[in-house]
Amino acid sequence: MRKVIQYEVNGETIKSLVGAGLGVSITCDAYLGVHYAGVTYREARDGNGPWRLGYTAHWAKENTNPALPSFLKLLRERYPGLPEAE
């Protein structure tokens, strides 16, 4: 029987747990250049080739965080097919 454990911690802690032999983790491409002792990165694949995990972003209309417009601009530049915000 397999046991699934969810940890409420940051990415660095998760990589350290994986490196210590305490499981596996799904991570984003941003970590691919980062070395953690005992951690080996593998591409997730299914019968059709590389497997991708989609992301969804949500925000409150009243969000006044000044970083939000820049973040949305970055997303639209990287993913031109994204729908415009309502």
N, C-alpha and C. Protein backbone atom coordinates (compact mmCIF):
# COMPACT_ATOMS: atom_id res chain seq x y z
N MET A 1 0.84 -1.16 0.00
CA MET A 1 0.00 0.00 0.00
C MET A 1 0.90 1.24 0.00
N ARG A 2 0.56 2.22 -0.84
CA ARG A 2 1.30 3.48 -0.91
C ARG A 2 0.67 4.49 0.04
N LYS A 3 1.49 5.32 0.60
CA LYS A 3 1.02 6.34 1.52
C LYS A 3 1.30 7.72 0.92
N VAL A 4 0.28 8.56 0.85
CA VAL A 4 0.43 9.92 0.33
C VAL A 4 0.42 10.87 1.50
N ILE A 5 1.45 11.73 1.56
CA ILE A 5 1.55 12.72 2.62
C ILE A 5 1.65 14.10 1.98
N GLN A 6 0.89 15.05 2.47
CA GLN A 6 0.96 16.41 1.97
C GLN A 6 1.62 17.28 3.03
N TYR A 7 2.66 18.01 2.62
CA TYR A 7 3.36 18.92 3.53
C TYR A 7 3.02 20.36 3.14
N GLU A 8 2.72 21.18 4.11
CA GLU A 8 2.45 22.60 3.89
C GLU A 8 3.74 23.37 4.11
N VAL A 9 4.66 23.27 3.16
CA VAL A 9 5.97 23.92 3.28
C VAL A 9 6.38 24.49 1.93
N ASN A 10 7.52 25.16 1.88
CA ASN A 10 7.99 25.75 0.62
C ASN A 10 8.71 24.72 -0.25
N GLY A 11 9.00 25.13 -1.48
CA GLY A 11 9.63 24.23 -2.46
C GLY A 11 10.99 23.72 -2.04
N GLU A 12 11.79 24.55 -1.38
CA GLU A 12 13.11 24.13 -0.95
C GLU A 12 13.03 22.99 0.08
N THR A 13 12.07 23.11 0.98
CA THR A 13 11.90 22.06 1.99
C THR A 13 11.45 20.76 1.33
N ILE A 14 10.54 20.86 0.37
CA ILE A 14 10.08 19.66 -0.35
C ILE A 14 11.26 18.99 -1.04
N LYS A 15 12.11 19.76 -1.72
CA LYS A 15 13.27 19.18 -2.41
C LYS A 15 14.21 18.51 -1.41
N SER A 16 14.37 19.10 -0.23
CA SER A 16 15.22 18.49 0.79
C SER A 16 14.63 17.17 1.28
N LEU A 17 13.30 17.11 1.45
CA LEU A 17 12.65 15.86 1.85
C LEU A 17 12.82 14.79 0.79
N VAL A 18 12.66 15.17 -0.48
CA VAL A 18 12.86 14.22 -1.58
C VAL A 18 14.31 13.74 -1.58
N GLY A 19 15.25 14.67 -1.42
CA GLY A 19 16.67 14.31 -1.39
C GLY A 19 17.01 13.37 -0.26
N ALA A 20 16.27 13.45 0.83
CA ALA A 20 16.48 12.56 1.98
C ALA A 20 15.81 11.20 1.78
N GLY A 21 15.18 11.00 0.62
CA GLY A 21 14.55 9.72 0.34
C GLY A 21 13.15 9.57 0.89
N LEU A 22 12.51 10.70 1.19
CA LEU A 22 11.17 10.64 1.79
C LEU A 22 10.04 10.83 0.79
N GLY A 23 10.26 10.52 -0.48
CA GLY A 23 9.18 10.58 -1.45
C GLY A 23 9.57 11.22 -2.75
N VAL A 24 8.55 11.58 -3.51
CA VAL A 24 8.72 12.24 -4.80
C VAL A 24 7.85 13.49 -4.81
N SER A 25 8.10 14.37 -5.77
CA SER A 25 7.33 15.60 -5.87
C SER A 25 7.20 16.01 -7.33
N ILE A 26 6.11 16.68 -7.64
CA ILE A 26 5.95 17.31 -8.95
C ILE A 26 6.41 18.75 -8.78
N THR A 27 7.22 19.23 -9.71
CA THR A 27 7.74 20.59 -9.60
C THR A 27 7.65 21.29 -10.95
N CYS A 28 7.80 22.58 -10.96
CA CYS A 28 7.75 23.35 -12.20
C CYS A 28 9.13 23.42 -12.84
N ASP A 29 9.17 23.82 -14.10
CA ASP A 29 10.43 23.91 -14.84
C ASP A 29 11.44 24.86 -14.21
N ALA A 30 10.98 25.81 -13.42
CA ALA A 30 11.87 26.79 -12.82
C ALA A 30 12.93 26.16 -11.92
N TYR A 31 12.67 24.98 -11.38
CA TYR A 31 13.63 24.31 -10.50
C TYR A 31 14.66 23.48 -11.26
N LEU A 32 14.53 23.32 -12.55
CA LEU A 32 15.39 22.39 -13.28
C LEU A 32 16.87 22.72 -13.18
N GLY A 33 17.24 23.98 -13.04
CA GLY A 33 18.65 24.33 -12.94
C GLY A 33 19.17 24.37 -11.52
N VAL A 34 18.35 24.03 -10.55
CA VAL A 34 18.74 24.11 -9.14
C VAL A 34 19.14 22.71 -8.66
N HIS A 35 20.32 22.63 -8.05
CA HIS A 35 20.81 21.34 -7.56
C HIS A 35 20.44 21.14 -6.09
N TYR A 36 19.88 19.99 -5.79
CA TYR A 36 19.61 19.58 -4.42
C TYR A 36 20.21 18.20 -4.24
N ALA A 37 20.96 18.02 -3.18
CA ALA A 37 21.61 16.73 -2.93
C ALA A 37 20.58 15.62 -2.90
N GLY A 38 20.83 14.57 -3.66
CA GLY A 38 19.95 13.41 -3.66
C GLY A 38 18.72 13.53 -4.54
N VAL A 39 18.55 14.66 -5.24
CA VAL A 39 17.36 14.87 -6.08
C VAL A 39 17.74 14.71 -7.55
N THR A 40 16.98 13.89 -8.25
CA THR A 40 17.13 13.71 -9.69
C THR A 40 15.83 14.13 -10.35
N TYR A 41 15.91 14.99 -11.36
CA TYR A 41 14.73 15.46 -12.08
C TYR A 41 14.46 14.55 -13.26
N ARG A 42 13.21 14.19 -13.45
CA ARG A 42 12.78 13.35 -14.57
C ARG A 42 11.57 14.00 -15.22
N GLU A 43 11.52 13.93 -16.54
CA GLU A 43 10.36 14.45 -17.26
C GLU A 43 9.20 13.48 -17.09
N ALA A 44 8.04 14.00 -16.77
CA ALA A 44 6.84 13.16 -16.67
C ALA A 44 6.33 12.86 -18.08
N ARG A 45 6.07 11.59 -18.36
CA ARG A 45 5.62 11.18 -19.70
C ARG A 45 4.45 10.22 -19.57
N ASP A 46 3.60 10.27 -20.59
CA ASP A 46 2.55 9.26 -20.70
C ASP A 46 2.71 8.59 -22.06
N GLY A 47 1.74 7.86 -22.51
CA GLY A 47 1.84 7.15 -23.79
C GLY A 47 1.93 8.05 -25.00
N ASN A 48 1.64 9.35 -24.84
CA ASN A 48 1.69 10.29 -25.95
C ASN A 48 2.90 11.20 -25.92
N GLY A 49 3.79 11.03 -24.96
CA GLY A 49 4.98 11.87 -24.86
C GLY A 49 5.00 12.66 -23.57
N PRO A 50 5.67 13.83 -23.59
CA PRO A 50 5.79 14.63 -22.37
C PRO A 50 4.42 15.01 -21.81
N TRP A 51 4.34 14.99 -20.51
CA TRP A 51 3.10 15.30 -19.81
C TRP A 51 3.21 16.69 -19.23
N ARG A 52 2.18 17.48 -19.37
CA ARG A 52 2.17 18.84 -18.84
C ARG A 52 1.02 19.03 -17.87
N LEU A 53 1.29 19.78 -16.83
CA LEU A 53 0.29 20.11 -15.83
C LEU A 53 -0.13 21.55 -16.08
N GLY A 54 -1.40 21.79 -16.29
CA GLY A 54 -1.88 23.13 -16.53
C GLY A 54 -2.04 23.92 -15.25
N TYR A 55 -1.98 25.22 -15.37
CA TYR A 55 -2.17 26.12 -14.24
C TYR A 55 -3.37 27.01 -14.50
N THR A 56 -4.01 27.43 -13.46
CA THR A 56 -5.10 28.39 -13.54
C THR A 56 -4.82 29.50 -12.54
N ALA A 57 -4.99 30.74 -12.98
CA ALA A 57 -4.77 31.88 -12.08
C ALA A 57 -6.10 32.57 -11.82
N HIS A 58 -6.32 32.93 -10.57
CA HIS A 58 -7.52 33.65 -10.17
C HIS A 58 -7.09 34.82 -9.29
N TRP A 59 -7.80 35.90 -9.38
CA TRP A 59 -7.53 37.03 -8.50
C TRP A 59 -8.81 37.79 -8.26
N ALA A 60 -8.83 38.50 -7.16
CA ALA A 60 -10.01 39.28 -6.80
C ALA A 60 -10.02 40.59 -7.61
N LYS A 61 -11.19 40.99 -8.10
CA LYS A 61 -11.29 42.23 -8.88
C LYS A 61 -10.80 43.43 -8.10
N GLU A 62 -10.97 43.40 -6.79
CA GLU A 62 -10.54 44.53 -5.97
C GLU A 62 -9.06 44.48 -5.59
N ASN A 63 -8.31 43.55 -6.18
CA ASN A 63 -6.88 43.42 -5.88
C ASN A 63 -6.15 44.68 -6.35
N THR A 64 -5.54 45.39 -5.41
CA THR A 64 -4.81 46.62 -5.74
C THR A 64 -3.30 46.42 -5.66
N ASN A 65 -2.85 45.18 -5.57
CA ASN A 65 -1.42 44.91 -5.51
C ASN A 65 -0.76 45.43 -6.79
N PRO A 66 0.22 46.33 -6.69
CA PRO A 66 0.85 46.91 -7.88
C PRO A 66 1.61 45.88 -8.73
N ALA A 67 1.90 44.70 -8.19
CA ALA A 67 2.60 43.67 -8.96
C ALA A 67 1.66 42.93 -9.91
N LEU A 68 0.36 42.99 -9.68
CA LEU A 68 -0.59 42.22 -10.49
C LEU A 68 -0.55 42.59 -11.97
N PRO A 69 -0.62 43.88 -12.37
CA PRO A 69 -0.57 44.19 -13.81
C PRO A 69 0.70 43.68 -14.49
N SER A 70 1.84 43.79 -13.82
CA SER A 70 3.09 43.30 -14.40
C SER A 70 3.08 41.78 -14.55
N PHE A 71 2.52 41.10 -13.55
CA PHE A 71 2.43 39.65 -13.61
C PHE A 71 1.53 39.21 -14.76
N LEU A 72 0.38 39.86 -14.91
CA LEU A 72 -0.53 39.52 -16.01
C LEU A 72 0.11 39.80 -17.36
N LYS A 73 0.86 40.89 -17.47
CA LYS A 73 1.56 41.22 -18.72
C LYS A 73 2.56 40.11 -19.06
N LEU A 74 3.31 39.68 -18.05
CA LEU A 74 4.27 38.59 -18.25
C LEU A 74 3.59 37.32 -18.73
N LEU A 75 2.46 36.97 -18.11
CA LEU A 75 1.72 35.78 -18.53
C LEU A 75 1.25 35.90 -19.98
N ARG A 76 0.74 37.06 -20.37
CA ARG A 76 0.24 37.24 -21.74
C ARG A 76 1.36 37.21 -22.76
N GLU A 77 2.55 37.69 -22.38
CA GLU A 77 3.70 37.62 -23.29
C GLU A 77 4.17 36.18 -23.48
N ARG A 78 4.17 35.43 -22.40
CA ARG A 78 4.64 34.04 -22.47
C ARG A 78 3.59 33.11 -23.07
N TYR A 79 2.31 33.40 -22.82
CA TYR A 79 1.21 32.56 -23.30
C TYR A 79 0.21 33.44 -24.05
N PRO A 80 0.49 33.75 -25.31
CA PRO A 80 -0.34 34.70 -26.05
C PRO A 80 -1.80 34.30 -26.22
N GLY A 81 -2.14 33.06 -26.07
CA GLY A 81 -3.52 32.62 -26.25
C GLY A 81 -4.41 32.81 -25.05
N LEU A 82 -3.89 33.38 -23.97
CA LEU A 82 -4.69 33.55 -22.76
C LEU A 82 -5.85 34.53 -22.99
N PRO A 83 -7.00 34.25 -22.41
CA PRO A 83 -8.11 35.18 -22.54
C PRO A 83 -7.86 36.44 -21.72
N GLU A 84 -8.46 37.52 -22.13
CA GLU A 84 -8.36 38.78 -21.39
C GLU A 84 -9.17 38.68 -20.10
N ALA A 85 -8.76 39.42 -19.10
CA ALA A 85 -9.50 39.47 -17.83
C ALA A 85 -10.83 40.15 -18.03
N GLU A 86 -11.81 39.71 -17.27
CA GLU A 86 -13.14 40.32 -17.36
C GLU A 86 -13.22 41.54 -16.48
